[in-house]
Amino acid sequence: MPSKPARPAYFPTLAVERPDIAMCRASAYLARAADAHAARHGLGVGQHLVLKMLDTVGPCSQQVLSEELRIDRSVMVSVCDDLEQSGFVRRERNPDDRRSYAVTITDEGRERLAGAEGTVSSYLEETFAPLTTSERAQLTALVGKLMQL
């Protein structure tokens, strides 16, 4: 029986020539992994991030959440709607600006966040297993530089 011709390994060459494409593919891989991890805790990635930010910094407007978490404003409305329906956040008129709402995490939201956060370390360890600790730090620094954090 004739052997199958070897499949060309083109992507490594492309990744060197086009780091933007390599980053896009890596981002898509990481997004799928993050979605799967968050879903195991009954949250979307955006929902998890919103709960984490609210727990850390306190009540915020949807606009601030959107800007800080780099989530499109129209998507943020849906994220907050879903979190509010689940009882994880509440929206109240912002006392400093009656035209906006302050989003606040609830006790139930803190509980859900704690459950999700409890597995983040092992999720990150598994997802970034091919990289050494030093490489992970370097990657974090480089991505931060690209994003101008």
N, C-alpha and C. Protein backbone atom coordinates (compact mmCIF):
# COMPACT_ATOMS: atom_id res chain seq x y z
N MET A 1 0.85 -1.17 0.00
CA MET A 1 0.00 0.00 0.00
C MET A 1 0.90 1.24 0.00
N PRO A 2 0.64 2.20 -0.90
CA PRO A 2 1.49 3.39 -0.97
C PRO A 2 1.29 4.26 0.27
N SER A 3 2.40 4.85 0.73
CA SER A 3 2.30 5.71 1.91
C SER A 3 1.71 7.08 1.51
N LYS A 4 1.08 7.67 2.47
CA LYS A 4 0.47 8.97 2.29
C LYS A 4 1.57 10.03 2.18
N PRO A 5 1.44 10.97 1.26
CA PRO A 5 2.46 12.01 1.18
C PRO A 5 2.45 12.85 2.47
N ALA A 6 3.64 13.26 2.87
CA ALA A 6 3.76 14.08 4.08
C ALA A 6 3.02 15.39 3.90
N ARG A 7 2.33 15.77 4.94
CA ARG A 7 1.60 17.04 4.92
C ARG A 7 2.59 18.18 5.17
N PRO A 8 2.51 19.24 4.37
CA PRO A 8 3.47 20.33 4.60
C PRO A 8 3.17 21.02 5.93
N ALA A 9 4.21 21.44 6.60
CA ALA A 9 4.08 22.17 7.86
C ALA A 9 4.27 23.65 7.55
N TYR A 10 3.21 24.26 7.04
CA TYR A 10 3.30 25.64 6.58
C TYR A 10 3.12 26.66 7.70
N PHE A 11 2.29 26.35 8.69
CA PHE A 11 1.98 27.36 9.69
C PHE A 11 3.20 27.91 10.42
N PRO A 12 4.18 27.10 10.80
CA PRO A 12 5.36 27.68 11.46
C PRO A 12 6.06 28.75 10.61
N THR A 13 6.11 28.53 9.30
CA THR A 13 6.71 29.53 8.40
C THR A 13 5.85 30.79 8.37
N LEU A 14 4.55 30.59 8.27
CA LEU A 14 3.62 31.73 8.25
C LEU A 14 3.73 32.53 9.54
N ALA A 15 3.83 31.83 10.67
CA ALA A 15 3.89 32.51 11.97
C ALA A 15 5.12 33.40 12.07
N VAL A 16 6.23 32.97 11.49
CA VAL A 16 7.44 33.78 11.51
C VAL A 16 7.27 35.01 10.62
N GLU A 17 6.68 34.81 9.45
CA GLU A 17 6.47 35.92 8.51
C GLU A 17 5.38 36.87 8.97
N ARG A 18 4.36 36.34 9.64
CA ARG A 18 3.18 37.13 10.01
C ARG A 18 2.85 36.91 11.48
N PRO A 19 3.58 37.57 12.39
CA PRO A 19 3.29 37.38 13.81
C PRO A 19 1.87 37.82 14.17
N ASP A 20 1.29 38.73 13.39
CA ASP A 20 -0.09 39.15 13.64
C ASP A 20 -1.05 37.97 13.46
N ILE A 21 -0.82 37.17 12.43
CA ILE A 21 -1.67 36.00 12.18
C ILE A 21 -1.47 34.97 13.28
N ALA A 22 -0.21 34.76 13.67
CA ALA A 22 0.07 33.81 14.75
C ALA A 22 -0.63 34.24 16.03
N MET A 23 -0.59 35.54 16.35
CA MET A 23 -1.26 36.05 17.55
C MET A 23 -2.78 35.86 17.45
N CYS A 24 -3.33 36.09 16.28
CA CYS A 24 -4.78 35.88 16.09
C CYS A 24 -5.16 34.43 16.34
N ARG A 25 -4.35 33.51 15.81
CA ARG A 25 -4.65 32.08 16.01
C ARG A 25 -4.48 31.69 17.47
N ALA A 26 -3.43 32.21 18.10
CA ALA A 26 -3.22 31.93 19.52
C ALA A 26 -4.37 32.51 20.34
N SER A 27 -4.81 33.70 19.98
CA SER A 27 -5.91 34.34 20.69
C SER A 27 -7.20 33.51 20.56
N ALA A 28 -7.45 33.00 19.36
CA ALA A 28 -8.65 32.18 19.15
C ALA A 28 -8.58 30.90 20.00
N TYR A 29 -7.40 30.28 20.04
CA TYR A 29 -7.21 29.08 20.87
C TYR A 29 -7.46 29.41 22.34
N LEU A 30 -6.88 30.50 22.83
CA LEU A 30 -7.03 30.89 24.23
C LEU A 30 -8.47 31.28 24.54
N ALA A 31 -9.14 31.94 23.59
CA ALA A 31 -10.54 32.32 23.81
C ALA A 31 -11.42 31.09 23.97
N ARG A 32 -11.19 30.07 23.14
CA ARG A 32 -11.97 28.83 23.26
C ARG A 32 -11.71 28.16 24.61
N ALA A 33 -10.45 28.13 25.03
CA ALA A 33 -10.10 27.52 26.31
C ALA A 33 -10.73 28.30 27.46
N ALA A 34 -10.67 29.62 27.40
CA ALA A 34 -11.25 30.46 28.46
C ALA A 34 -12.77 30.30 28.50
N ASP A 35 -13.41 30.25 27.33
CA ASP A 35 -14.86 30.05 27.28
C ASP A 35 -15.25 28.72 27.93
N ALA A 36 -14.51 27.67 27.61
CA ALA A 36 -14.81 26.35 28.17
C ALA A 36 -14.62 26.36 29.69
N HIS A 37 -13.57 27.00 30.15
CA HIS A 37 -13.31 27.07 31.60
C HIS A 37 -14.42 27.85 32.30
N ALA A 38 -14.77 29.01 31.78
CA ALA A 38 -15.81 29.84 32.41
C ALA A 38 -17.16 29.12 32.39
N ALA A 39 -17.46 28.42 31.30
CA ALA A 39 -18.74 27.73 31.18
C ALA A 39 -18.91 26.65 32.24
N ARG A 40 -17.81 26.04 32.66
CA ARG A 40 -17.89 25.02 33.71
C ARG A 40 -18.38 25.62 35.03
N HIS A 41 -18.32 26.93 35.14
CA HIS A 41 -18.76 27.61 36.35
C HIS A 41 -20.04 28.43 36.11
N GLY A 42 -20.69 28.15 34.99
CA GLY A 42 -21.95 28.83 34.69
C GLY A 42 -21.80 30.30 34.35
N LEU A 43 -20.65 30.66 33.82
CA LEU A 43 -20.39 32.05 33.44
C LEU A 43 -19.80 32.09 32.04
N GLY A 44 -19.94 33.25 31.40
CA GLY A 44 -19.17 33.52 30.21
C GLY A 44 -17.89 34.22 30.64
N VAL A 45 -16.91 34.28 29.76
CA VAL A 45 -15.66 34.95 30.09
C VAL A 45 -15.91 36.41 30.47
N GLY A 46 -16.72 37.11 29.69
CA GLY A 46 -17.03 38.51 29.98
C GLY A 46 -17.71 38.65 31.34
N GLN A 47 -18.61 37.74 31.65
CA GLN A 47 -19.29 37.79 32.94
C GLN A 47 -18.29 37.60 34.08
N HIS A 48 -17.39 36.64 33.91
CA HIS A 48 -16.38 36.38 34.92
C HIS A 48 -15.53 37.64 35.14
N LEU A 49 -15.11 38.26 34.04
CA LEU A 49 -14.26 39.46 34.14
C LEU A 49 -15.00 40.62 34.81
N VAL A 50 -16.27 40.79 34.48
CA VAL A 50 -17.06 41.87 35.10
C VAL A 50 -17.17 41.63 36.60
N LEU A 51 -17.50 40.40 37.00
CA LEU A 51 -17.60 40.10 38.43
C LEU A 51 -16.28 40.34 39.14
N LYS A 52 -15.18 39.92 38.50
CA LYS A 52 -13.85 40.09 39.10
C LYS A 52 -13.52 41.57 39.27
N MET A 53 -13.81 42.38 38.26
CA MET A 53 -13.50 43.81 38.36
C MET A 53 -14.37 44.48 39.42
N LEU A 54 -15.66 44.16 39.43
CA LEU A 54 -16.55 44.77 40.43
C LEU A 54 -16.15 44.38 41.84
N ASP A 55 -15.73 43.14 42.02
CA ASP A 55 -15.30 42.68 43.35
C ASP A 55 -14.01 43.39 43.77
N THR A 56 -13.17 43.71 42.81
CA THR A 56 -11.88 44.34 43.10
C THR A 56 -11.99 45.85 43.30
N VAL A 57 -12.72 46.52 42.40
CA VAL A 57 -12.72 48.00 42.44
C VAL A 57 -14.02 48.60 42.94
N GLY A 58 -15.05 47.80 43.06
CA GLY A 58 -16.33 48.33 43.53
C GLY A 58 -17.24 48.72 42.37
N PRO A 59 -18.38 49.34 42.68
CA PRO A 59 -19.36 49.69 41.65
C PRO A 59 -18.76 50.54 40.54
N CYS A 60 -19.17 50.24 39.30
CA CYS A 60 -18.70 50.95 38.12
C CYS A 60 -19.84 51.12 37.14
N SER A 61 -19.71 52.08 36.27
CA SER A 61 -20.67 52.21 35.17
C SER A 61 -20.34 51.15 34.12
N GLN A 62 -21.32 50.84 33.29
CA GLN A 62 -21.09 49.90 32.20
C GLN A 62 -20.03 50.44 31.26
N GLN A 63 -19.97 51.74 31.08
CA GLN A 63 -18.98 52.35 30.20
C GLN A 63 -17.57 52.10 30.73
N VAL A 64 -17.37 52.29 32.03
CA VAL A 64 -16.05 52.04 32.62
C VAL A 64 -15.69 50.56 32.51
N LEU A 65 -16.64 49.69 32.81
CA LEU A 65 -16.40 48.26 32.67
C LEU A 65 -15.99 47.92 31.24
N SER A 66 -16.71 48.47 30.28
CA SER A 66 -16.44 48.22 28.87
C SER A 66 -15.03 48.68 28.49
N GLU A 67 -14.67 49.89 28.90
CA GLU A 67 -13.36 50.44 28.55
C GLU A 67 -12.23 49.67 29.23
N GLU A 68 -12.37 49.40 30.51
CA GLU A 68 -11.30 48.73 31.27
C GLU A 68 -11.10 47.28 30.85
N LEU A 69 -12.20 46.59 30.56
CA LEU A 69 -12.12 45.17 30.21
C LEU A 69 -11.99 44.94 28.70
N ARG A 70 -12.04 46.04 27.94
CA ARG A 70 -11.94 45.97 26.47
C ARG A 70 -13.01 45.06 25.88
N ILE A 71 -14.23 45.28 26.36
CA ILE A 71 -15.40 44.57 25.86
C ILE A 71 -16.28 45.60 25.17
N ASP A 72 -16.68 45.33 23.94
CA ASP A 72 -17.51 46.27 23.18
C ASP A 72 -18.72 46.70 24.01
N ARG A 73 -19.07 47.97 23.92
CA ARG A 73 -20.17 48.52 24.73
C ARG A 73 -21.48 47.79 24.51
N SER A 74 -21.77 47.43 23.25
CA SER A 74 -23.03 46.73 22.99
C SER A 74 -23.03 45.34 23.61
N VAL A 75 -21.87 44.69 23.65
CA VAL A 75 -21.75 43.38 24.28
C VAL A 75 -21.86 43.53 25.80
N MET A 76 -21.31 44.62 26.34
CA MET A 76 -21.34 44.84 27.79
C MET A 76 -22.78 44.94 28.29
N VAL A 77 -23.65 45.55 27.53
CA VAL A 77 -25.06 45.65 27.92
C VAL A 77 -25.63 44.26 28.12
N SER A 78 -25.37 43.37 27.18
CA SER A 78 -25.86 42.00 27.26
C SER A 78 -25.23 41.24 28.43
N VAL A 79 -23.94 41.44 28.64
CA VAL A 79 -23.25 40.79 29.76
C VAL A 79 -23.89 41.21 31.08
N CYS A 80 -24.10 42.51 31.24
CA CYS A 80 -24.70 43.02 32.48
C CYS A 80 -26.16 42.58 32.62
N ASP A 81 -26.89 42.55 31.52
CA ASP A 81 -28.28 42.06 31.56
C ASP A 81 -28.31 40.63 32.10
N ASP A 82 -27.44 39.77 31.54
CA ASP A 82 -27.40 38.37 31.96
C ASP A 82 -26.99 38.22 33.43
N LEU A 83 -25.99 39.00 33.84
CA LEU A 83 -25.55 38.94 35.24
C LEU A 83 -26.65 39.42 36.17
N GLU A 84 -27.39 40.44 35.76
CA GLU A 84 -28.47 40.96 36.59
C GLU A 84 -29.60 39.94 36.69
N GLN A 85 -29.95 39.32 35.57
CA GLN A 85 -31.00 38.29 35.57
C GLN A 85 -30.64 37.11 36.47
N SER A 86 -29.35 36.79 36.54
CA SER A 86 -28.88 35.70 37.38
C SER A 86 -28.75 36.09 38.85
N GLY A 87 -28.91 37.37 39.13
CA GLY A 87 -28.80 37.85 40.50
C GLY A 87 -27.36 38.09 40.96
N PHE A 88 -26.42 38.13 40.01
CA PHE A 88 -25.01 38.31 40.35
C PHE A 88 -24.60 39.78 40.46
N VAL A 89 -25.35 40.66 39.82
CA VAL A 89 -25.10 42.11 39.94
C VAL A 89 -26.45 42.81 40.05
N ARG A 90 -26.38 44.05 40.48
CA ARG A 90 -27.57 44.91 40.41
C ARG A 90 -27.12 46.24 39.81
N ARG A 91 -28.04 46.86 39.10
CA ARG A 91 -27.77 48.17 38.50
C ARG A 91 -28.63 49.20 39.20
N GLU A 92 -27.99 50.27 39.61
CA GLU A 92 -28.70 51.36 40.28
C GLU A 92 -28.26 52.68 39.66
N ARG A 93 -29.11 53.65 39.73
CA ARG A 93 -28.72 54.97 39.23
C ARG A 93 -27.44 55.42 39.92
N ASN A 94 -26.53 55.94 39.13
CA ASN A 94 -25.28 56.46 39.66
C ASN A 94 -25.58 57.77 40.39
N PRO A 95 -25.31 57.85 41.68
CA PRO A 95 -25.63 59.07 42.42
C PRO A 95 -24.84 60.29 41.93
N ASP A 96 -23.69 60.04 41.29
CA ASP A 96 -22.86 61.14 40.79
C ASP A 96 -23.27 61.59 39.39
N ASP A 97 -23.98 60.73 38.66
CA ASP A 97 -24.40 61.04 37.29
C ASP A 97 -25.69 60.28 37.02
N ARG A 98 -26.82 60.94 37.18
CA ARG A 98 -28.13 60.29 37.07
C ARG A 98 -28.41 59.72 35.68
N ARG A 99 -27.56 60.05 34.69
CA ARG A 99 -27.76 59.51 33.34
C ARG A 99 -27.17 58.11 33.20
N SER A 100 -26.37 57.69 34.17
CA SER A 100 -25.73 56.38 34.06
C SER A 100 -26.11 55.49 35.24
N TYR A 101 -25.79 54.24 35.09
CA TYR A 101 -26.06 53.25 36.14
C TYR A 101 -24.74 52.76 36.73
N ALA A 102 -24.75 52.54 38.01
CA ALA A 102 -23.62 51.90 38.68
C ALA A 102 -23.95 50.41 38.78
N VAL A 103 -23.04 49.58 38.33
CA VAL A 103 -23.20 48.13 38.41
C VAL A 103 -22.47 47.68 39.67
N THR A 104 -23.16 46.90 40.51
CA THR A 104 -22.61 46.45 41.79
C THR A 104 -22.73 44.93 41.89
N ILE A 105 -21.68 44.28 42.35
CA ILE A 105 -21.72 42.83 42.54
C ILE A 105 -22.56 42.52 43.78
N THR A 106 -23.33 41.44 43.72
CA THR A 106 -24.14 40.99 44.85
C THR A 106 -23.39 39.89 45.62
N ASP A 107 -23.91 39.52 46.77
CA ASP A 107 -23.31 38.41 47.52
C ASP A 107 -23.32 37.12 46.70
N GLU A 108 -24.41 36.90 45.98
CA GLU A 108 -24.51 35.71 45.12
C GLU A 108 -23.46 35.78 44.00
N GLY A 109 -23.21 36.97 43.48
CA GLY A 109 -22.17 37.15 42.47
C GLY A 109 -20.78 36.86 43.04
N ARG A 110 -20.55 37.29 44.27
CA ARG A 110 -19.26 37.01 44.93
C ARG A 110 -19.05 35.51 45.12
N GLU A 111 -20.12 34.81 45.48
CA GLU A 111 -20.02 33.35 45.65
C GLU A 111 -19.69 32.67 44.33
N ARG A 112 -20.38 33.07 43.26
CA ARG A 112 -20.12 32.47 41.95
C ARG A 112 -18.70 32.78 41.50
N LEU A 113 -18.27 34.01 41.73
CA LEU A 113 -16.91 34.41 41.36
C LEU A 113 -15.88 33.59 42.12
N ALA A 114 -16.09 33.39 43.41
CA ALA A 114 -15.15 32.62 44.23
C ALA A 114 -15.00 31.20 43.69
N GLY A 115 -16.11 30.60 43.29
CA GLY A 115 -16.04 29.26 42.71
C GLY A 115 -15.25 29.23 41.42
N ALA A 116 -15.46 30.22 40.58
CA ALA A 116 -14.74 30.29 39.31
C ALA A 116 -13.27 30.61 39.52
N GLU A 117 -12.98 31.53 40.41
CA GLU A 117 -11.59 31.94 40.66
C GLU A 117 -10.77 30.82 41.28
N GLY A 118 -11.44 29.93 42.01
CA GLY A 118 -10.74 28.84 42.67
C GLY A 118 -10.04 27.89 41.71
N THR A 119 -10.45 27.89 40.44
CA THR A 119 -9.86 26.97 39.48
C THR A 119 -9.02 27.68 38.42
N VAL A 120 -8.90 28.99 38.50
CA VAL A 120 -8.15 29.74 37.49
C VAL A 120 -6.69 29.32 37.46
N SER A 121 -6.08 29.16 38.61
CA SER A 121 -4.66 28.80 38.66
C SER A 121 -4.38 27.50 37.91
N SER A 122 -5.17 26.48 38.17
CA SER A 122 -4.95 25.19 37.48
C SER A 122 -5.27 25.30 35.99
N TYR A 123 -6.29 26.08 35.65
CA TYR A 123 -6.63 26.30 34.24
C TYR A 123 -5.46 26.97 33.52
N LEU A 124 -4.88 28.01 34.11
CA LEU A 124 -3.76 28.71 33.48
C LEU A 124 -2.54 27.80 33.37
N GLU A 125 -2.31 27.01 34.41
CA GLU A 125 -1.17 26.07 34.39
C GLU A 125 -1.32 25.09 33.23
N GLU A 126 -2.51 24.57 33.06
CA GLU A 126 -2.76 23.61 31.97
C GLU A 126 -2.67 24.28 30.60
N THR A 127 -3.27 25.44 30.47
CA THR A 127 -3.32 26.13 29.18
C THR A 127 -1.95 26.59 28.71
N PHE A 128 -1.12 27.04 29.65
CA PHE A 128 0.20 27.56 29.30
C PHE A 128 1.32 26.57 29.60
N ALA A 129 0.98 25.30 29.76
CA ALA A 129 1.96 24.26 30.09
C ALA A 129 3.16 24.21 29.14
N PRO A 130 2.98 24.49 27.84
CA PRO A 130 4.16 24.43 26.96
C PRO A 130 5.22 25.51 27.26
N LEU A 131 4.86 26.52 28.03
CA LEU A 131 5.78 27.62 28.31
C LEU A 131 6.38 27.48 29.71
N THR A 132 7.65 27.85 29.83
CA THR A 132 8.28 27.88 31.14
C THR A 132 7.75 29.09 31.90
N THR A 133 8.03 29.15 33.19
CA THR A 133 7.63 30.29 34.01
C THR A 133 8.21 31.58 33.44
N SER A 134 9.46 31.52 33.03
CA SER A 134 10.14 32.69 32.46
C SER A 134 9.48 33.10 31.14
N GLU A 135 9.14 32.14 30.30
CA GLU A 135 8.49 32.44 29.03
C GLU A 135 7.10 33.04 29.25
N ARG A 136 6.39 32.54 30.25
CA ARG A 136 5.06 33.11 30.57
C ARG A 136 5.19 34.57 30.97
N ALA A 137 6.18 34.87 31.80
CA ALA A 137 6.40 36.26 32.23
C ALA A 137 6.77 37.13 31.04
N GLN A 138 7.60 36.61 30.16
CA GLN A 138 8.00 37.35 28.97
C GLN A 138 6.79 37.58 28.06
N LEU A 139 5.97 36.55 27.87
CA LEU A 139 4.77 36.69 27.05
C LEU A 139 3.84 37.75 27.63
N THR A 140 3.64 37.69 28.94
CA THR A 140 2.77 38.67 29.60
C THR A 140 3.30 40.09 29.39
N ALA A 141 4.60 40.27 29.53
CA ALA A 141 5.20 41.59 29.34
C ALA A 141 5.05 42.06 27.90
N LEU A 142 5.27 41.17 26.95
CA LEU A 142 5.18 41.55 25.54
C LEU A 142 3.74 41.88 25.13
N VAL A 143 2.80 41.06 25.58
CA VAL A 143 1.40 41.34 25.26
C VAL A 143 0.98 42.66 25.90
N GLY A 144 1.41 42.89 27.15
CA GLY A 144 1.13 44.16 27.81
C GLY A 144 1.69 45.33 27.03
N LYS A 145 2.88 45.16 26.50
CA LYS A 145 3.50 46.24 25.71
C LYS A 145 2.70 46.49 24.43
N LEU A 146 2.27 45.42 23.77
CA LEU A 146 1.45 45.58 22.57
C LEU A 146 0.13 46.28 22.88
N MET A 147 -0.44 45.94 24.03
CA MET A 147 -1.73 46.52 24.42
C MET A 147 -1.54 47.85 25.13
N GLN A 148 -0.28 48.23 25.39
CA GLN A 148 0.08 49.48 26.09
C GLN A 148 -0.67 49.61 27.40
N LEU A 149 -0.51 48.57 28.22
CA LEU A 149 -1.17 48.55 29.53
C LEU A 149 -0.50 49.49 30.49
